[in-house]
Amino acid sequence: MPLESYLILSALLFTIGVIGVLIRRNAIIIFMCIELMLNAANLAFVAISRNLGEASGQIFVIFVMAVAAAEVAIGLAIIVSVFKHQQTINVDEVNSLKG
């Protein structure tokens, strides 16, 4: 497959993620859309790295995946804490993290 196909797919996935972050109000779905955007960027990095014949893009993807894993762990901990105190994960209804 040509490089353009991978980049078009990556742009499409990134756009879906951005639209999901802007439209949705559920915190878990927003985190999933952020993960979709990170994976779209990873796809672009790997495709360009493969096209250039270098491993630098794939190494960068490993670091992005590590940051994404940390983001998920911290984000889910915050969501659980907010739900425990306010009984909702709707971002419109949560206006403060004060306990």
PDB file of N, CA and C in Angstrom:
ATOM      1  N   MET A   1       0.843  -1.184   0.000  1.00  0.00           N
ATOM      2  CA  MET A   1       0.000   0.000   0.000  1.00  0.00           C
ATOM      3  C   MET A   1       0.885   1.243   0.000  1.00  0.00           C
ATOM      4  N   PRO A   2       0.443   2.273  -0.683  1.00  0.00           N
ATOM      5  CA  PRO A   2       1.252   3.494  -0.707  1.00  0.00           C
ATOM      6  C   PRO A   2       1.165   4.260   0.617  1.00  0.00           C
ATOM      7  N   LEU A   3       2.131   5.110   0.831  1.00  0.00           N
ATOM      8  CA  LEU A   3       2.201   5.900   2.062  1.00  0.00           C
ATOM      9  C   LEU A   3       0.964   6.782   2.220  1.00  0.00           C
ATOM     10  N   GLU A   4       0.453   7.295   1.125  1.00  0.00           N
ATOM     11  CA  GLU A   4      -0.701   8.196   1.190  1.00  0.00           C
ATOM     12  C   GLU A   4      -1.917   7.521   1.814  1.00  0.00           C
ATOM     13  N   SER A   5      -2.096   6.244   1.568  1.00  0.00           N
ATOM     14  CA  SER A   5      -3.238   5.516   2.147  1.00  0.00           C
ATOM     15  C   SER A   5      -3.152   5.493   3.668  1.00  0.00           C
ATOM     16  N   TYR A   6      -1.958   5.228   4.177  1.00  0.00           N
ATOM     17  CA  TYR A   6      -1.776   5.209   5.627  1.00  0.00           C
ATOM     18  C   TYR A   6      -1.987   6.603   6.231  1.00  0.00           C
ATOM     19  N   LEU A   7      -1.496   7.618   5.548  1.00  0.00           N
ATOM     20  CA  LEU A   7      -1.636   8.971   6.075  1.00  0.00           C
ATOM     21  C   LEU A   7      -3.084   9.451   6.013  1.00  0.00           C
ATOM     22  N   ILE A   8      -3.809   9.053   4.992  1.00  0.00           N
ATOM     23  CA  ILE A   8      -5.231   9.406   4.913  1.00  0.00           C
ATOM     24  C   ILE A   8      -6.009   8.710   6.026  1.00  0.00           C
ATOM     25  N   LEU A   9      -5.718   7.438   6.265  1.00  0.00           N
ATOM     26  CA  LEU A   9      -6.367   6.721   7.362  1.00  0.00           C
ATOM     27  C   LEU A   9      -6.026   7.358   8.704  1.00  0.00           C
ATOM     28  N   SER A  10      -4.774   7.737   8.872  1.00  0.00           N
ATOM     29  CA  SER A  10      -4.356   8.389  10.108  1.00  0.00           C
ATOM     30  C   SER A  10      -5.084   9.709  10.305  1.00  0.00           C
ATOM     31  N   ALA A  11      -5.199  10.505   9.248  1.00  0.00           N
ATOM     32  CA  ALA A  11      -5.908  11.781   9.344  1.00  0.00           C
ATOM     33  C   ALA A  11      -7.384  11.573   9.647  1.00  0.00           C
ATOM     34  N   LEU A  12      -7.989  10.555   9.061  1.00  0.00           N
ATOM     35  CA  LEU A  12      -9.390  10.247   9.318  1.00  0.00           C
ATOM     36  C   LEU A  12      -9.608   9.848  10.779  1.00  0.00           C
ATOM     37  N   LEU A  13      -8.746   8.983  11.300  1.00  0.00           N
ATOM     38  CA  LEU A  13      -8.855   8.575  12.707  1.00  0.00           C
ATOM     39  C   LEU A  13      -8.638   9.752  13.645  1.00  0.00           C
ATOM     40  N   PHE A  14      -7.677  10.609  13.315  1.00  0.00           N
ATOM     41  CA  PHE A  14      -7.414  11.782  14.153  1.00  0.00           C
ATOM     42  C   PHE A  14      -8.614  12.721  14.143  1.00  0.00           C
ATOM     43  N   THR A  15      -9.235  12.902  12.987  1.00  0.00           N
ATOM     44  CA  THR A  15     -10.405  13.766  12.882  1.00  0.00           C
ATOM     45  C   THR A  15     -11.583  13.212  13.682  1.00  0.00           C
ATOM     46  N   ILE A  16     -11.777  11.913  13.622  1.00  0.00           N
ATOM     47  CA  ILE A  16     -12.839  11.292  14.423  1.00  0.00           C
ATOM     48  C   ILE A  16     -12.578  11.517  15.909  1.00  0.00           C
ATOM     49  N   GLY A  17     -11.331  11.400  16.327  1.00  0.00           N
ATOM     50  CA  GLY A  17     -10.981  11.643  17.718  1.00  0.00           C
ATOM     51  C   GLY A  17     -11.224  13.079  18.144  1.00  0.00           C
ATOM     52  N   VAL A  18     -10.861  14.034  17.303  1.00  0.00           N
ATOM     53  CA  VAL A  18     -11.082  15.448  17.631  1.00  0.00           C
ATOM     54  C   VAL A  18     -12.569  15.755  17.727  1.00  0.00           C
ATOM     55  N   ILE A  19     -13.345  15.237  16.790  1.00  0.00           N
ATOM     56  CA  ILE A  19     -14.794  15.458  16.826  1.00  0.00           C
ATOM     57  C   ILE A  19     -15.388  14.844  18.091  1.00  0.00           C
ATOM     58  N   GLY A  20     -14.906  13.658  18.470  1.00  0.00           N
ATOM     59  CA  GLY A  20     -15.400  13.021  19.689  1.00  0.00           C
ATOM     60  C   GLY A  20     -15.079  13.825  20.935  1.00  0.00           C
ATOM     61  N   VAL A  21     -13.892  14.412  20.987  1.00  0.00           N
ATOM     62  CA  VAL A  21     -13.527  15.228  22.149  1.00  0.00           C
ATOM     63  C   VAL A  21     -14.386  16.485  22.207  1.00  0.00           C
ATOM     64  N   LEU A  22     -14.656  17.078  21.066  1.00  0.00           N
ATOM     65  CA  LEU A  22     -15.423  18.323  21.052  1.00  0.00           C
ATOM     66  C   LEU A  22     -16.915  18.125  21.283  1.00  0.00           C
ATOM     67  N   ILE A  23     -17.462  16.986  20.858  1.00  0.00           N
ATOM     68  CA  ILE A  23     -18.913  16.787  20.922  1.00  0.00           C
ATOM     69  C   ILE A  23     -19.347  16.065  22.194  1.00  0.00           C
ATOM     70  N   ARG A  24     -18.635  15.043  22.587  1.00  0.00           N
ATOM     71  CA  ARG A  24     -19.073  14.208  23.714  1.00  0.00           C
ATOM     72  C   ARG A  24     -18.877  14.908  25.047  1.00  0.00           C
ATOM     73  N   ARG A  25     -19.669  14.527  26.028  1.00  0.00           N
ATOM     74  CA  ARG A  25     -19.587  15.089  27.373  1.00  0.00           C
ATOM     75  C   ARG A  25     -19.231  14.043  28.414  1.00  0.00           C
ATOM     76  N   ASN A  26     -19.156  12.777  28.035  1.00  0.00           N
ATOM     77  CA  ASN A  26     -18.800  11.709  28.961  1.00  0.00           C
ATOM     78  C   ASN A  26     -17.277  11.637  29.050  1.00  0.00           C
ATOM     79  N   ALA A  27     -16.744  11.679  30.255  1.00  0.00           N
ATOM     80  CA  ALA A  27     -15.293  11.738  30.448  1.00  0.00           C
ATOM     81  C   ALA A  27     -14.585  10.486  29.913  1.00  0.00           C
ATOM     82  N   ILE A  28     -15.207   9.331  30.046  1.00  0.00           N
ATOM     83  CA  ILE A  28     -14.570   8.102  29.568  1.00  0.00           C
ATOM     84  C   ILE A  28     -14.490   8.105  28.043  1.00  0.00           C
ATOM     85  N   ILE A  29     -15.533   8.560  27.385  1.00  0.00           N
ATOM     86  CA  ILE A  29     -15.515   8.628  25.920  1.00  0.00           C
ATOM     87  C   ILE A  29     -14.507   9.665  25.444  1.00  0.00           C
ATOM     88  N   ILE A  30     -14.369  10.761  26.177  1.00  0.00           N
ATOM     89  CA  ILE A  30     -13.363  11.767  25.825  1.00  0.00           C
ATOM     90  C   ILE A  30     -11.963  11.164  25.919  1.00  0.00           C
ATOM     91  N   PHE A  31     -11.696  10.388  26.954  1.00  0.00           N
ATOM     92  CA  PHE A  31     -10.386   9.725  27.071  1.00  0.00           C
ATOM     93  C   PHE A  31     -10.172   8.731  25.940  1.00  0.00           C
ATOM     94  N   MET A  32     -11.214   8.020  25.549  1.00  0.00           N
ATOM     95  CA  MET A  32     -11.075   7.081  24.429  1.00  0.00           C
ATOM     96  C   MET A  32     -10.779   7.822  23.128  1.00  0.00           C
ATOM     97  N   CYS A  33     -11.382   8.978  22.943  1.00  0.00           N
ATOM     98  CA  CYS A  33     -11.110   9.768  21.732  1.00  0.00           C
ATOM     99  C   CYS A  33      -9.683  10.319  21.743  1.00  0.00           C
ATOM    100  N   ILE A  34      -9.183  10.683  22.902  1.00  0.00           N
ATOM    101  CA  ILE A  34      -7.785  11.126  22.999  1.00  0.00           C
ATOM    102  C   ILE A  34      -6.857   9.971  22.652  1.00  0.00           C
ATOM    103  N   GLU A  35      -7.177   8.781  23.113  1.00  0.00           N
ATOM    104  CA  GLU A  35      -6.380   7.600  22.752  1.00  0.00           C
ATOM    105  C   GLU A  35      -6.434   7.332  21.253  1.00  0.00           C
ATOM    106  N   LEU A  36      -7.602   7.544  20.646  1.00  0.00           N
ATOM    107  CA  LEU A  36      -7.732   7.379  19.199  1.00  0.00           C
ATOM    108  C   LEU A  36      -6.833   8.366  18.460  1.00  0.00           C
ATOM    109  N   MET A  37      -6.754   9.594  18.954  1.00  0.00           N
ATOM    110  CA  MET A  37      -5.880  10.584  18.326  1.00  0.00           C
ATOM    111  C   MET A  37      -4.415  10.201  18.479  1.00  0.00           C
ATOM    112  N   LEU A  38      -4.041   9.693  19.644  1.00  0.00           N
ATOM    113  CA  LEU A  38      -2.653   9.251  19.836  1.00  0.00           C
ATOM    114  C   LEU A  38      -2.317   8.081  18.920  1.00  0.00           C
ATOM    115  N   ASN A  39      -3.240   7.157  18.765  1.00  0.00           N
ATOM    116  CA  ASN A  39      -2.993   6.020  17.882  1.00  0.00           C
ATOM    117  C   ASN A  39      -2.941   6.444  16.418  1.00  0.00           C
ATOM    118  N   ALA A  40      -3.701   7.463  16.039  1.00  0.00           N
ATOM    119  CA  ALA A  40      -3.617   7.980  14.673  1.00  0.00           C
ATOM    120  C   ALA A  40      -2.243   8.585  14.422  1.00  0.00           C
ATOM    121  N   ALA A  41      -1.729   9.302  15.400  1.00  0.00           N
ATOM    122  CA  ALA A  41      -0.374   9.848  15.260  1.00  0.00           C
ATOM    123  C   ALA A  41       0.655   8.724  15.199  1.00  0.00           C
ATOM    124  N   ASN A  42       0.462   7.679  15.993  1.00  0.00           N
ATOM    125  CA  ASN A  42       1.374   6.526  15.954  1.00  0.00           C
ATOM    126  C   ASN A  42       1.366   5.861  14.583  1.00  0.00           C
ATOM    127  N   LEU A  43       0.186   5.733  13.978  1.00  0.00           N
ATOM    128  CA  LEU A  43       0.094   5.148  12.648  1.00  0.00           C
ATOM    129  C   LEU A  43       0.873   5.978  11.637  1.00  0.00           C
ATOM    130  N   ALA A  44       0.760   7.291  11.734  1.00  0.00           N
ATOM    131  CA  ALA A  44       1.503   8.161  10.817  1.00  0.00           C
ATOM    132  C   ALA A  44       3.011   8.024  11.040  1.00  0.00           C
ATOM    133  N   PHE A  45       3.436   7.964  12.292  1.00  0.00           N
ATOM    134  CA  PHE A  45       4.868   7.808  12.586  1.00  0.00           C
ATOM    135  C   PHE A  45       5.421   6.506  12.013  1.00  0.00           C
ATOM    136  N   VAL A  46       4.688   5.420  12.216  1.00  0.00           N
ATOM    137  CA  VAL A  46       5.152   4.116  11.741  1.00  0.00           C
ATOM    138  C   VAL A  46       5.164   4.076  10.213  1.00  0.00           C
ATOM    139  N   ALA A  47       4.145   4.644   9.576  1.00  0.00           N
ATOM    140  CA  ALA A  47       4.080   4.627   8.114  1.00  0.00           C
ATOM    141  C   ALA A  47       5.226   5.430   7.510  1.00  0.00           C
ATOM    142  N   ILE A  48       5.480   6.600   8.064  1.00  0.00           N
ATOM    143  CA  ILE A  48       6.575   7.420   7.535  1.00  0.00           C
ATOM    144  C   ILE A  48       7.912   6.766   7.825  1.00  0.00           C
ATOM    145  N   SER A  49       8.057   6.184   8.999  1.00  0.00           N
ATOM    146  CA  SER A  49       9.299   5.498   9.349  1.00  0.00           C
ATOM    147  C   SER A  49       9.561   4.330   8.405  1.00  0.00           C
ATOM    148  N   ARG A  50       8.516   3.580   8.098  1.00  0.00           N
ATOM    149  CA  ARG A  50       8.659   2.447   7.178  1.00  0.00           C
ATOM    150  C   ARG A  50       9.007   2.928   5.775  1.00  0.00           C
ATOM    151  N   ASN A  51       8.403   4.027   5.367  1.00  0.00           N
ATOM    152  CA  ASN A  51       8.665   4.563   4.039  1.00  0.00           C
ATOM    153  C   ASN A  51      10.103   5.071   3.909  1.00  0.00           C
ATOM    154  N   LEU A  52      10.619   5.664   4.968  1.00  0.00           N
ATOM    155  CA  LEU A  52      11.987   6.189   4.944  1.00  0.00           C
ATOM    156  C   LEU A  52      13.031   5.113   5.253  1.00  0.00           C
ATOM    157  N   GLY A  53      12.602   3.990   5.774  1.00  0.00           N
ATOM    158  CA  GLY A  53      13.530   2.911   6.096  1.00  0.00           C
ATOM    159  C   GLY A  53      14.327   3.156   7.364  1.00  0.00           C
ATOM    160  N   GLU A  54      13.781   3.969   8.259  1.00  0.00           N
ATOM    161  CA  GLU A  54      14.446   4.265   9.529  1.00  0.00           C
ATOM    162  C   GLU A  54      13.614   3.724  10.683  1.00  0.00           C
ATOM    163  N   ALA A  55      14.252   3.568  11.831  1.00  0.00           N
ATOM    164  CA  ALA A  55      13.547   3.055  13.001  1.00  0.00           C
ATOM    165  C   ALA A  55      13.180   4.160  13.982  1.00  0.00           C
ATOM    166  N   SER A  56      13.502   5.397  13.671  1.00  0.00           N
ATOM    167  CA  SER A  56      13.268   6.484  14.623  1.00  0.00           C
ATOM    168  C   SER A  56      11.776   6.700  14.887  1.00  0.00           C
ATOM    169  N   GLY A  57      10.943   6.564  13.870  1.00  0.00           N
ATOM    170  CA  GLY A  57       9.501   6.722  14.068  1.00  0.00           C
ATOM    171  C   GLY A  57       8.936   5.640  14.954  1.00  0.00           C
ATOM    172  N   GLN A  58       9.420   4.420  14.807  1.00  0.00           N
ATOM    173  CA  GLN A  58       8.932   3.316  15.634  1.00  0.00           C
ATOM    174  C   GLN A  58       9.389   3.466  17.080  1.00  0.00           C
ATOM    175  N   ILE A  59      10.576   3.993  17.277  1.00  0.00           N
ATOM    176  CA  ILE A  59      11.056   4.242  18.642  1.00  0.00           C
ATOM    177  C   ILE A  59      10.204   5.327  19.294  1.00  0.00           C
ATOM    178  N   PHE A  60       9.868   6.354  18.521  1.00  0.00           N
ATOM    179  CA  PHE A  60       9.024   7.422  19.044  1.00  0.00           C
ATOM    180  C   PHE A  60       7.649   6.893  19.427  1.00  0.00           C
ATOM    181  N   VAL A  61       7.123   5.941  18.668  1.00  0.00           N
ATOM    182  CA  VAL A  61       5.820   5.336  18.969  1.00  0.00           C
ATOM    183  C   VAL A  61       5.854   4.632  20.322  1.00  0.00           C
ATOM    184  N   ILE A  62       6.949   3.993  20.644  1.00  0.00           N
ATOM    185  CA  ILE A  62       7.069   3.321  21.948  1.00  0.00           C
ATOM    186  C   ILE A  62       6.946   4.334  23.080  1.00  0.00           C
ATOM    187  N   PHE A  63       7.582   5.500  22.924  1.00  0.00           N
ATOM    188  CA  PHE A  63       7.476   6.538  23.952  1.00  0.00           C
ATOM    189  C   PHE A  63       6.048   7.091  24.031  1.00  0.00           C
ATOM    190  N   VAL A  64       5.395   7.273  22.907  1.00  0.00           N
ATOM    191  CA  VAL A  64       4.014   7.762  22.909  1.00  0.00           C
ATOM    192  C   VAL A  64       3.102   6.755  23.597  1.00  0.00           C
ATOM    193  N   MET A  65       3.324   5.469  23.359  1.00  0.00           N
ATOM    194  CA  MET A  65       2.505   4.440  24.010  1.00  0.00           C
ATOM    195  C   MET A  65       2.722   4.429  25.519  1.00  0.00           C
ATOM    196  N   ALA A  66       3.943   4.678  25.965  1.00  0.00           N
ATOM    197  CA  ALA A  66       4.208   4.738  27.400  1.00  0.00           C
ATOM    198  C   ALA A  66       3.503   5.933  28.035  1.00  0.00           C
ATOM    199  N   VAL A  67       3.536   7.074  27.372  1.00  0.00           N
ATOM    200  CA  VAL A  67       2.842   8.251  27.882  1.00  0.00           C
ATOM    201  C   VAL A  67       1.334   8.019  27.881  1.00  0.00           C
ATOM    202  N   ALA A  68       0.814   7.361  26.854  1.00  0.00           N
ATOM    203  CA  ALA A  68      -0.621   7.071  26.787  1.00  0.00           C
ATOM    204  C   ALA A  68      -1.049   6.142  27.921  1.00  0.00           C
ATOM    205  N   ALA A  69      -0.221   5.169  28.247  1.00  0.00           N
ATOM    206  CA  ALA A  69      -0.553   4.259  29.347  1.00  0.00           C
ATOM    207  C   ALA A  69      -0.593   5.010  30.680  1.00  0.00           C
ATOM    208  N   ALA A  70       0.349   5.912  30.886  1.00  0.00           N
ATOM    209  CA  ALA A  70       0.353   6.705  32.114  1.00  0.00           C
ATOM    210  C   ALA A  70      -0.858   7.633  32.151  1.00  0.00           C
ATOM    211  N   GLU A  71      -1.205   8.203  31.009  1.00  0.00           N
ATOM    212  CA  GLU A  71      -2.354   9.100  30.932  1.00  0.00           C
ATOM    213  C   GLU A  71      -3.643   8.359  31.264  1.00  0.00           C
ATOM    214  N   VAL A  72      -3.777   7.150  30.787  1.00  0.00           N
ATOM    215  CA  VAL A  72      -4.974   6.356  31.074  1.00  0.00           C
ATOM    216  C   VAL A  72      -5.053   6.029  32.561  1.00  0.00           C
ATOM    217  N   ALA A  73      -3.951   5.652  33.150  1.00  0.00           N
ATOM    218  CA  ALA A  73      -3.960   5.305  34.576  1.00  0.00           C
ATOM    219  C   ALA A  73      -4.350   6.506  35.433  1.00  0.00           C
ATOM    220  N   ILE A  74      -3.768   7.647  35.160  1.00  0.00           N
ATOM    221  CA  ILE A  74      -4.076   8.845  35.950  1.00  0.00           C
ATOM    222  C   ILE A  74      -5.486   9.336  35.640  1.00  0.00           C
ATOM    223  N   GLY A  75      -5.867   9.332  34.371  1.00  0.00           N
ATOM    224  CA  GLY A  75      -7.196   9.790  33.989  1.00  0.00           C
ATOM    225  C   GLY A  75      -8.299   8.955  34.604  1.00  0.00           C
ATOM    226  N   LEU A  76      -8.136   7.642  34.588  1.00  0.00           N
ATOM    227  CA  LEU A  76      -9.163   6.782  35.190  1.00  0.00           C
ATOM    228  C   LEU A  76      -9.222   6.952  36.703  1.00  0.00           C
ATOM    229  N   ALA A  77      -8.090   7.200  37.333  1.00  0.00           N
ATOM    230  CA  ALA A  77      -8.094   7.458  38.775  1.00  0.00           C
ATOM    231  C   ALA A  77      -8.858   8.744  39.087  1.00  0.00           C
ATOM    232  N   ILE A  78      -8.674   9.763  38.271  1.00  0.00           N
ATOM    233  CA  ILE A  78      -9.407  11.012  38.470  1.00  0.00           C
ATOM    234  C   ILE A  78     -10.896  10.796  38.236  1.00  0.00           C
ATOM    235  N   ILE A  79     -11.251  10.056  37.201  1.00  0.00           N
ATOM    236  CA  ILE A  79     -12.662   9.796  36.908  1.00  0.00           C
ATOM    237  C   ILE A  79     -13.323   9.036  38.053  1.00  0.00           C
ATOM    238  N   VAL A  80     -12.654   8.022  38.592  1.00  0.00           N
ATOM    239  CA  VAL A  80     -13.207   7.256  39.707  1.00  0.00           C
ATOM    240  C   VAL A  80     -13.391   8.151  40.926  1.00  0.00           C
ATOM    241  N   SER A  81     -12.420   9.014  41.189  1.00  0.00           N
ATOM    242  CA  SER A  81     -12.523   9.922  42.335  1.00  0.00           C
ATOM    243  C   SER A  81     -13.674  10.913  42.170  1.00  0.00           C
ATOM    244  N   VAL A  82     -13.815  11.475  40.982  1.00  0.00           N
ATOM    245  CA  VAL A  82     -14.914  12.416  40.730  1.00  0.00           C
ATOM    246  C   VAL A  82     -16.254  11.704  40.830  1.00  0.00           C
ATOM    247  N   PHE A  83     -16.352  10.501  40.290  1.00  0.00           N
ATOM    248  CA  PHE A  83     -17.614   9.763  40.359  1.00  0.00           C
ATOM    249  C   PHE A  83     -17.972   9.423  41.797  1.00  0.00           C
ATOM    250  N   LYS A  84     -16.963   9.105  42.598  1.00  0.00           N
ATOM    251  CA  LYS A  84     -17.215   8.757  43.989  1.00  0.00           C
ATOM    252  C   LYS A  84     -17.779   9.946  44.768  1.00  0.00           C
ATOM    253  N   HIS A  85     -17.324  11.143  44.434  1.00  0.00           N
ATOM    254  CA  HIS A  85     -17.769  12.322  45.174  1.00  0.00           C
ATOM    255  C   HIS A  85     -19.017  12.971  44.590  1.00  0.00           C
ATOM    256  N   GLN A  86     -19.182  12.944  43.256  1.00  0.00           N
ATOM    257  CA  GLN A  86     -20.288  13.690  42.653  1.00  0.00           C
ATOM    258  C   GLN A  86     -21.302  12.802  41.935  1.00  0.00           C
ATOM    259  N   GLN A  87     -21.089  11.499  41.869  1.00  0.00           N
ATOM    260  CA  GLN A  87     -22.009  10.539  41.262  1.00  0.00           C
ATOM    261  C   GLN A  87     -22.290  10.814  39.787  1.00  0.00           C
ATOM    262  N   THR A  88     -21.358  11.436  39.077  1.00  0.00           N
ATOM    263  CA  THR A  88     -21.500  11.674  37.646  1.00  0.00           C
ATOM    264  C   THR A  88     -20.114  11.770  37.007  1.00  0.00           C
ATOM    265  N   ILE A  89     -20.051  11.402  35.731  1.00  0.00           N
ATOM    266  CA  ILE A  89     -18.812  11.603  34.986  1.00  0.00           C
ATOM    267  C   ILE A  89     -19.054  12.502  33.777  1.00  0.00           C
ATOM    268  N   ASN A  90     -20.196  13.186  33.779  1.00  0.00           N
ATOM    269  CA  ASN A  90     -20.513  14.136  32.725  1.00  0.00           C
ATOM    270  C   ASN A  90     -19.694  15.402  32.968  1.00  0.00           C
ATOM    271  N   VAL A  91     -18.889  15.802  31.992  1.00  0.00           N
ATOM    272  CA  VAL A  91     -17.980  16.932  32.216  1.00  0.00           C
ATOM    273  C   VAL A  91     -18.719  18.262  32.328  1.00  0.00           C
ATOM    274  N   ASP A  92     -19.944  18.340  31.846  1.00  0.00           N
ATOM    275  CA  ASP A  92     -20.720  19.580  32.022  1.00  0.00           C
ATOM    276  C   ASP A  92     -21.176  19.762  33.458  1.00  0.00           C
ATOM    277  N   GLU A  93     -21.407  18.679  34.151  1.00  0.00           N
ATOM    278  CA  GLU A  93     -21.903  18.757  35.526  1.00  0.00           C
ATOM    279  C   GLU A  93     -20.790  18.819  36.559  1.00  0.00           C
ATOM    280  N   VAL A  94     -19.576  18.492  36.169  1.00  0.00           N
ATOM    281  CA  VAL A  94     -18.450  18.519  37.100  1.00  0.00           C
ATOM    282  C   VAL A  94     -17.705  19.820  36.855  1.00  0.00           C
ATOM    283  N   ASN A  95     -17.757  20.726  37.839  1.00  0.00           N
ATOM    284  CA  ASN A  95     -17.107  22.014  37.670  1.00  0.00           C
ATOM    285  C   ASN A  95     -15.960  22.254  38.633  1.00  0.00           C
ATOM    286  N   SER A  96     -15.710  21.308  39.522  1.00  0.00           N
ATOM    287  CA  SER A  96     -14.653  21.494  40.495  1.00  0.00           C
ATOM    288  C   SER A  96     -14.168  20.132  40.974  1.00  0.00           C
ATOM    289  N   LEU A  97     -12.899  20.060  41.329  1.00  0.00           N
ATOM    290  CA  LEU A  97     -12.341  18.821  41.872  1.00  0.00           C
ATOM    291  C   LEU A  97     -12.198  18.900  43.390  1.00  0.00           C
ATOM    292  N   LYS A  98     -12.810  19.908  44.021  1.00  0.00           N
ATOM    293  CA  LYS A  98     -12.757  20.034  45.471  1.00  0.00           C
ATOM    294  C   LYS A  98     -13.584  18.912  46.102  1.00  0.00           C
ATOM    295  N   GLY A  99     -13.081  18.331  47.164  1.00  0.00           N
ATOM    296  CA  GLY A  99     -13.798  17.251  47.835  1.00  0.00           C
ATOM    297  C   GLY A  99     -14.717  17.799  48.822  1.00  0.00           C
TER     298      GLY A  99
END
